[in-house]
């Protein structure tokens, strides 16, 4: 069913890559699409670019299909933080308003909201829920609970800003439950999708998500410095522009027309020149992979590969953070018997690429890996951990 060839995923020739929660290898069609744009630009600058002038509308349409929403709700951004800053800085907060988030959020979904404290906004941080998963006695981040979230909501809660998947522990929010709660309480749900988009189904309209920002170089296997922003029409109408330039205005290329006339759709946030080769690359990987396979099929294959890895892992040596199905993600986290970073470095010298965060080893395989890859990864970890 899945193309798992070296031609499509050339990084498989060089290493066993289980770190798609970090910076993934650039997928082949993404690379070729970016090269095509750069070659045209090198050959003649603007004279060679007209065939590429529809890249951005194509991008809006393709991402819209991936997220099962309209193309008008999509914007290109350069990273998750840029998307979150556009939203947080432009949100119509009043002094005393509240934002609920999580104590251990990734900085891209923390600092933009923390910055609003200068506007009199209170940032309410959820703690770790105990026990979640199988490591309730561990001090490292694990996840938050709906029970605490519901208890912290007040009449001044305007936004709930959380990651779909927590970067350190791999805890996934149940977006159906969370979105239904936010809809019922007239709260804007804003999601960091960096650790889920390209691995788990993420359908903002279905889940009542007001906005979602994500990077393109993790599970999407696109270029470093590319990102996606989804906004609902209702939220866009609320957001004031804090970054502006020629291309967020409807007059576009008529640079001497200085009327204040911003777009009402996702182009509202595409304020100036973009990294066009990155747009091309994301179009390439979307066409070749993420619009060719369903996100449900990709998720199921990732989980199957994780299960195969666990079946060969010596769980007398490692403690595994296991979540219920509704909170599972592409990141599987382990506690090693010794120093996690040292173990990651040792296996890295033997071609197994992993990452360590918050004392955890993160196992993050994508769907294109093969069964023998997962068995080999577990066996190598068992061997190296046993040598401590």
Protein backbone atom coordinates (compact mmCIF):
# COMPACT_ATOMS: atom_id res chain seq x y z
CA UNK A 1 0.00 0.00 0.00
CA UNK A 2 2.67 2.52 1.02
CA UNK A 3 5.67 3.51 -1.07
CA UNK A 4 8.63 2.80 1.21
CA UNK A 5 11.33 2.93 -1.46
CA UNK A 6 14.77 4.50 -1.19
CA UNK A 7 13.93 6.52 -4.31
CA UNK A 8 11.10 8.29 -2.49
CA UNK A 9 12.89 8.41 0.89
CA UNK A 10 16.62 8.65 0.11
CA UNK A 11 17.58 9.14 3.76
CA UNK A 12 16.94 5.41 4.31
CA UNK A 13 20.23 4.76 2.47
CA UNK A 14 22.24 6.55 5.15
CA UNK A 15 20.58 5.94 8.50
CA UNK A 16 17.62 4.58 10.41
CA UNK A 17 15.73 7.78 11.15
CA UNK A 18 13.33 7.66 14.11
CA UNK A 19 13.30 11.37 14.88
CA UNK A 20 10.43 12.79 12.83
CA UNK A 21 9.48 14.86 15.89
CA UNK A 22 12.68 16.88 15.28
CA UNK A 23 13.98 17.90 11.83
CA UNK A 24 13.05 15.23 9.32
CA UNK A 25 14.93 14.36 6.14
CA UNK A 26 13.58 16.33 3.20
CA UNK A 27 11.42 13.99 1.12
CA UNK A 28 12.50 13.46 -2.49
CA UNK A 29 9.57 15.10 -4.28
CA UNK A 30 9.83 18.08 -1.92
CA UNK A 31 13.50 18.42 -2.80
CA UNK A 32 12.84 18.19 -6.54
CA UNK A 33 10.05 20.77 -6.41
CA UNK A 34 12.24 23.25 -4.53
CA UNK A 35 15.12 22.65 -6.93
CA UNK A 36 12.88 23.31 -9.91
CA UNK A 37 11.94 26.73 -8.56
CA UNK A 38 15.54 27.60 -7.63
CA UNK A 39 16.83 26.57 -11.04
CA UNK A 40 14.26 28.78 -12.75
CA UNK A 41 15.24 31.68 -10.52
CA UNK A 42 18.95 31.11 -11.15
CA UNK A 43 18.39 30.98 -14.90
CA UNK A 44 16.66 34.32 -15.21
CA UNK A 45 15.21 35.82 -12.05
CA UNK A 46 11.72 37.16 -12.60
CA UNK A 47 11.79 36.22 -16.30
CA UNK A 48 11.81 32.51 -15.40
CA UNK A 49 9.22 32.62 -12.65
CA UNK A 50 5.80 33.12 -14.31
CA UNK A 51 5.13 29.33 -14.43
CA UNK A 52 5.47 29.33 -10.63
CA UNK A 53 3.18 32.25 -9.87
CA UNK A 54 0.31 29.89 -9.02
CA UNK A 55 2.31 28.05 -6.34
CA UNK A 56 0.57 29.85 -3.49
CA UNK A 57 -3.04 29.23 -4.65
CA UNK A 58 -2.04 25.58 -5.20
CA UNK A 59 -0.65 25.45 -1.67
CA UNK A 60 -3.85 26.87 -0.20
CA UNK A 61 -5.89 24.26 -2.03
CA UNK A 62 -3.70 21.29 -1.17
CA UNK A 63 -3.44 22.13 2.53
CA UNK A 64 -7.18 22.76 2.57
CA UNK A 65 -7.72 19.20 1.29
CA UNK A 66 -5.33 17.81 3.92
CA UNK A 67 -7.20 19.61 6.71
CA UNK A 68 -10.63 19.02 5.12
CA UNK A 69 -11.39 22.72 4.97
CA UNK A 70 -11.61 25.46 2.35
CA UNK A 71 -8.53 26.95 0.70
CA UNK A 72 -9.51 30.42 1.96
CA UNK A 73 -8.74 29.31 5.52
CA UNK A 74 -5.07 28.55 4.79
CA UNK A 75 -1.98 30.76 5.07
CA UNK A 76 1.70 30.04 4.50
CA UNK A 77 3.90 30.98 7.45
CA UNK A 78 7.57 30.30 8.12
CA UNK A 79 7.17 28.45 11.41
CA UNK A 80 4.73 27.73 14.22
CA UNK A 81 5.89 30.70 16.30
CA UNK A 82 5.14 33.15 13.49
CA UNK A 83 1.61 31.81 13.22
CA UNK A 84 1.05 31.94 16.96
CA UNK A 85 2.42 35.49 17.21
CA UNK A 86 0.12 36.70 14.43
CA UNK A 87 -2.82 35.27 16.37
CA UNK A 88 -1.83 36.22 19.92
CA UNK A 89 -0.69 39.76 19.12
CA UNK A 90 -3.78 40.46 17.05
CA UNK A 91 -6.35 38.91 19.38
CA UNK A 92 -8.82 41.45 20.86
CA UNK A 93 -7.87 40.86 24.49
CA UNK A 94 -8.95 43.17 27.27
CA UNK A 95 -7.22 43.52 30.64
CA UNK A 96 -8.28 40.65 32.88
CA UNK A 97 -8.89 38.19 30.03
CA UNK A 98 -7.39 34.72 30.44
CA UNK A 99 -5.60 32.19 28.26
CA UNK A 100 -5.34 28.57 29.38
CA UNK A 101 -2.29 26.59 28.30
CA UNK A 102 0.00 23.85 29.70
CA UNK A 103 3.04 24.21 31.92
CA UNK A 104 5.31 22.28 29.53
CA UNK A 105 4.25 23.67 26.15
CA UNK A 106 6.86 24.11 23.44
CA UNK A 107 8.16 27.73 23.49
CA UNK A 108 6.47 28.56 20.15
CA UNK A 109 3.12 28.07 21.88
CA UNK A 110 4.14 29.64 25.17
CA UNK A 111 5.93 32.93 24.63
CA UNK A 112 3.36 34.45 22.21
CA UNK A 113 0.70 34.09 24.93
CA UNK A 114 3.02 35.07 27.75
CA UNK A 115 3.76 38.27 25.84
CA UNK A 116 0.09 39.21 26.24
CA UNK A 117 0.65 39.65 29.98
CA UNK A 118 1.85 43.15 29.00
CA UNK A 119 -1.72 43.76 27.84
CA UNK A 120 -3.14 42.64 31.19
CA UNK A 121 -3.93 39.08 30.09
CA UNK A 122 -3.56 36.27 32.63
CA UNK A 123 -1.85 33.09 31.44
CA UNK A 124 -3.28 30.08 33.30
CA UNK A 125 -1.03 27.01 33.08
CA UNK A 126 -2.26 23.45 33.54
CA UNK A 127 0.00 21.10 35.48
CA UNK A 128 0.80 17.44 34.85
CA UNK A 129 -2.12 15.14 35.52
CA UNK A 130 -1.20 12.19 37.72
CA UNK A 131 -1.39 9.44 36.77
CA UNK A 132 -1.46 9.69 32.99
CA UNK A 133 -0.03 6.85 30.98
CA UNK A 134 2.24 4.45 32.84
CA UNK A 135 4.83 6.75 34.47
CA UNK A 136 2.81 8.68 37.01
CA UNK A 137 5.74 8.65 39.46
CA UNK A 138 8.12 10.35 37.03
CA UNK A 139 8.89 14.04 37.38
CA UNK A 140 9.27 14.63 33.63
CA UNK A 141 6.35 16.10 31.62
CA UNK A 142 3.50 13.67 30.94
CA UNK A 143 0.31 15.52 29.99
CA UNK A 144 -2.66 17.53 31.21
CA UNK A 145 -6.23 16.51 32.01
CA UNK A 146 -9.64 17.70 30.90
CA UNK A 147 -10.77 17.63 34.52
CA UNK A 148 -8.21 20.28 35.52
CA UNK A 149 -8.84 22.28 32.37
CA UNK A 150 -12.57 22.43 33.05
CA UNK A 151 -11.90 23.49 36.63
CA UNK A 152 -9.64 26.37 35.50
CA UNK A 153 -12.08 27.87 33.00
CA UNK A 154 -13.63 31.14 34.15
CA UNK A 155 -15.97 33.74 32.62
CA UNK A 156 -12.80 35.60 31.48
CA UNK A 157 -11.31 32.63 29.56
CA UNK A 158 -11.00 33.71 25.93
CA UNK A 159 -8.49 31.28 24.46
CA UNK A 160 -7.27 27.75 25.14
CA UNK A 161 -3.86 27.33 23.50
CA UNK A 162 -2.48 23.79 23.54
CA UNK A 163 -0.43 21.46 21.39
CA UNK A 164 -2.27 18.63 19.69
CA UNK A 165 0.75 16.49 20.66
CA UNK A 166 3.17 17.45 23.43
CA UNK A 167 6.72 17.54 22.09
CA UNK A 168 8.48 15.94 25.06
CA UNK A 169 6.06 13.25 26.23
CA UNK A 170 4.04 12.52 23.10
CA UNK A 171 0.72 13.07 24.91
CA UNK A 172 -2.02 13.79 22.37
CA UNK A 173 -5.06 15.88 23.18
CA UNK A 174 -8.44 14.41 22.35
CA UNK A 175 -9.40 17.22 19.98
CA UNK A 176 -12.98 16.03 19.59
CA UNK A 177 -13.59 16.30 23.32
CA UNK A 178 -11.58 19.48 23.73
CA UNK A 179 -13.14 21.19 20.73
CA UNK A 180 -16.68 20.31 21.80
CA UNK A 181 -15.98 21.76 25.25
CA UNK A 182 -14.60 25.00 23.77
CA UNK A 183 -17.54 25.36 21.41
CA UNK A 184 -19.96 24.89 24.31
CA UNK A 185 -18.21 27.61 26.33
CA UNK A 186 -17.59 30.07 23.44
CA UNK A 187 -13.80 29.78 23.85
CA UNK A 188 -11.39 29.99 20.92
CA UNK A 189 -9.34 26.80 20.69
CA UNK A 190 -5.92 27.47 19.16
CA UNK A 191 -3.77 24.42 18.45
CA UNK A 192 -0.05 23.89 17.87
CA UNK A 193 -0.07 21.11 15.29
CA UNK A 194 3.70 20.82 14.77
CA UNK A 195 3.90 17.34 16.32
CA UNK A 196 0.81 15.90 14.66
CA UNK A 197 0.29 17.36 11.17
CA UNK A 198 1.42 14.67 8.75
CA UNK A 199 1.04 11.88 11.31
CA UNK A 200 -2.41 12.15 12.89
CA UNK A 201 -5.73 13.26 11.40
CA UNK A 202 -6.23 16.96 12.15
CA UNK A 203 -9.51 18.39 10.87
CA UNK A 204 -10.05 21.85 12.39
CA UNK A 205 -13.64 22.39 11.29
CA UNK A 206 -14.75 18.98 12.50
CA UNK A 207 -12.99 19.48 15.84
CA UNK A 208 -14.15 23.11 16.36
CA UNK A 209 -10.58 24.44 16.24
CA UNK A 210 -10.44 28.20 15.72
CA UNK A 211 -6.82 28.20 14.53
CA UNK A 212 -3.91 25.83 14.05
CA UNK A 213 -0.26 26.56 13.32
CA UNK A 214 2.35 23.96 12.42
CA UNK A 215 5.86 23.65 11.04
CA UNK A 216 6.51 21.86 7.76
CA UNK A 217 9.78 20.08 8.52
CA UNK A 218 8.70 17.49 11.07
CA UNK A 219 6.04 14.92 10.16
CA UNK A 220 5.37 16.64 6.81
CA UNK A 221 9.04 16.10 5.79
CA UNK A 222 9.16 19.48 4.09
CA UNK A 223 11.79 22.24 4.18
CA UNK A 224 13.27 23.79 7.29
CA UNK A 225 11.66 27.21 7.69
CA UNK A 226 8.20 26.44 6.31
CA UNK A 227 4.85 26.34 8.07
CA UNK A 228 1.08 26.27 7.83
CA UNK A 229 -1.58 28.39 9.48
CA UNK A 230 -5.28 27.55 9.53
CA UNK A 231 -7.82 30.13 10.74
CA UNK A 232 -11.57 29.94 10.83
CA UNK A 233 -13.49 32.84 9.24
CA UNK A 234 -14.91 33.84 12.63
CA UNK A 235 -11.46 34.05 14.23
CA UNK A 236 -9.93 35.92 11.27
CA UNK A 237 -12.57 38.58 11.64
CA UNK A 238 -11.47 39.10 15.26
CA UNK A 239 -7.71 39.26 14.63
CA UNK A 240 -6.16 42.67 14.08
CA UNK A 241 -3.17 42.82 11.75
CA UNK A 242 0.17 43.26 13.53
CA UNK A 243 2.40 42.37 10.56
CA UNK A 244 1.60 44.09 7.27
CA UNK A 245 3.04 44.43 3.79
CA UNK A 246 1.93 44.61 0.17
CA UNK A 247 0.58 41.11 -0.21
CA UNK A 248 -1.95 41.13 2.59
CA UNK A 249 -3.74 43.93 0.71
CA UNK A 250 -6.24 43.24 -2.03
CA UNK A 251 -4.53 45.64 -4.47
CA UNK A 252 -1.50 43.32 -4.46
CA UNK A 253 1.05 44.35 -7.08
CA UNK A 254 -0.28 47.88 -7.41
CA UNK A 255 2.34 49.14 -4.98
CA UNK A 256 1.36 52.82 -5.23
CA UNK A 257 -2.21 52.11 -4.13
CA UNK A 258 -1.89 52.56 -0.38
CA UNK A 259 -5.51 52.02 0.59
CA UNK A 260 -6.01 49.99 3.75
CA UNK A 261 -7.77 47.08 2.09
CA UNK A 262 -6.63 43.76 3.59
CA UNK A 263 -7.76 40.37 2.39
CA UNK A 264 -10.46 38.72 4.48
CA UNK A 265 -9.25 35.17 3.78
CA UNK A 266 -5.98 33.49 4.80
CA UNK A 267 -3.98 35.86 2.62
CA UNK A 268 -4.58 38.38 5.39
CA UNK A 269 -1.56 36.89 7.20
CA UNK A 270 0.74 36.49 4.16
CA UNK A 271 1.99 40.02 4.56
CA UNK A 272 5.09 40.05 2.35
CA UNK A 273 7.48 37.97 0.24
CA UNK A 274 7.46 34.29 1.14
CA UNK A 275 10.05 31.54 0.78
CA UNK A 276 8.68 30.41 -2.59
CA UNK A 277 10.94 27.39 -2.89
CA UNK A 278 9.49 26.21 0.42
CA UNK A 279 5.96 26.63 -0.90
CA UNK A 280 6.97 24.56 -3.92
CA UNK A 281 8.51 21.88 -1.71
CA UNK A 282 5.42 21.54 0.47
CA UNK A 283 3.26 21.28 -2.64
CA UNK A 284 5.53 18.47 -3.83
CA UNK A 285 5.35 16.41 -0.67
CA UNK A 286 1.61 16.97 -0.31
CA UNK A 287 1.00 15.71 -3.84
CA UNK A 288 3.27 12.69 -3.57
CA UNK A 289 2.37 11.56 -0.04
CA UNK A 290 -0.18 13.27 2.14
CA UNK A 291 -2.86 13.68 -0.52
CA UNK A 292 -2.18 10.18 -1.84
CA UNK A 293 -2.74 8.33 1.45
CA UNK A 294 -5.39 9.01 4.06
CA UNK A 295 -4.21 10.44 7.36
CA UNK A 296 -6.01 7.60 9.14
CA UNK A 297 -3.97 5.05 7.17
CA UNK A 298 -0.73 6.88 7.94
CA UNK A 299 -1.60 7.04 11.65
CA UNK A 300 -2.42 3.34 11.76
CA UNK A 301 0.84 2.40 10.07
CA UNK A 302 2.85 4.56 12.47
CA UNK A 303 1.14 2.91 15.44
CA UNK A 304 1.73 -0.56 13.95
CA UNK A 305 5.43 0.20 13.60
CA UNK A 306 5.56 1.46 17.19
CA UNK A 307 3.89 -1.74 18.39
CA UNK A 308 6.43 -3.82 16.50
CA UNK A 309 9.24 -1.84 18.11
CA UNK A 310 7.74 -2.41 21.57
CA UNK A 311 7.39 -6.14 20.92
CA UNK A 312 11.18 -6.35 20.49
CA UNK A 313 12.20 -3.83 23.17
CA UNK A 314 13.48 -5.25 26.46
CA UNK A 315 11.04 -3.60 28.84
CA UNK A 316 13.11 -4.80 31.79
CA UNK A 317 15.67 -2.25 30.64
CA UNK A 318 13.32 0.55 29.56
CA UNK A 319 10.20 2.08 31.04
CA UNK A 320 7.67 3.05 28.40
CA UNK A 321 5.22 5.93 28.67
CA UNK A 322 1.98 4.38 27.37
CA UNK A 323 -1.20 6.38 26.85
CA UNK A 324 -4.75 5.27 26.16
CA UNK A 325 -5.58 5.12 22.45
CA UNK A 326 -7.24 8.55 22.37
CA UNK A 327 -4.05 10.18 23.72
CA UNK A 328 -1.54 8.27 21.60
CA UNK A 329 0.67 10.00 19.02
CA UNK A 330 3.59 9.44 16.69
CA UNK A 331 6.01 10.03 19.58
CA UNK A 332 6.71 7.05 21.82
CA UNK A 333 8.74 7.97 24.90
CA UNK A 334 11.07 5.78 26.93
CA UNK A 335 13.10 6.12 30.11
CA UNK A 336 16.47 4.42 29.78
CA UNK A 337 18.42 2.80 32.64
CA UNK A 338 21.16 5.41 32.31
CA UNK A 339 21.67 8.83 30.78
CA UNK A 340 19.26 9.16 27.86
CA UNK A 341 21.36 11.66 25.92
CA UNK A 342 24.44 9.46 26.18
CA UNK A 343 22.52 6.44 24.93
CA UNK A 344 21.07 8.45 22.03
CA UNK A 345 24.59 9.57 21.11
CA UNK A 346 25.94 6.00 21.21
CA UNK A 347 23.28 4.54 18.95
CA UNK A 348 23.58 7.60 16.70
CA UNK A 349 27.17 6.62 15.91
CA UNK A 350 25.74 3.32 14.66
CA UNK A 351 23.21 4.97 12.35
CA UNK A 352 20.10 5.06 14.55
CA UNK A 353 18.83 8.66 14.76
CA UNK A 354 16.82 9.43 17.92
CA UNK A 355 16.31 12.49 20.11
CA UNK A 356 16.19 12.98 23.87
CA UNK A 357 14.00 15.51 25.68
CA UNK A 358 13.21 15.93 29.39
CA UNK A 359 14.99 12.66 30.32
CA UNK A 360 12.97 10.77 27.70
CA UNK A 361 14.18 9.04 24.58
CA UNK A 362 11.70 9.83 21.81
CA UNK A 363 10.91 7.12 19.25
CA UNK A 364 9.20 8.79 16.28
CA UNK A 365 8.98 6.51 13.21
CA UNK A 366 7.11 7.54 10.07
CA UNK A 367 4.96 5.31 7.89
CA UNK A 368 7.68 4.65 5.27
CA UNK A 369 9.91 2.68 7.65
CA UNK A 370 9.94 -1.10 7.41
CA UNK A 371 9.35 -3.87 9.89
CA UNK A 372 13.00 -4.89 10.04
CA UNK A 373 13.91 -1.25 10.80
CA UNK A 374 11.81 -1.31 13.95
CA UNK A 375 13.15 -4.67 15.08
CA UNK A 376 16.71 -3.53 14.45
CA UNK A 377 16.19 -0.27 16.37
CA UNK A 378 14.84 -2.12 19.41
CA UNK A 379 17.64 -4.67 19.34
CA UNK A 380 20.32 -1.97 19.11
CA UNK A 381 18.82 -0.07 22.05
CA UNK A 382 18.60 -3.29 24.07
CA UNK A 383 22.23 -4.09 23.37
CA UNK A 384 23.58 -0.62 24.14
CA UNK A 385 21.46 -0.15 27.27
CA UNK A 386 22.62 -3.52 28.55
CA UNK A 387 26.24 -2.40 28.36
CA UNK A 388 25.94 0.36 30.94
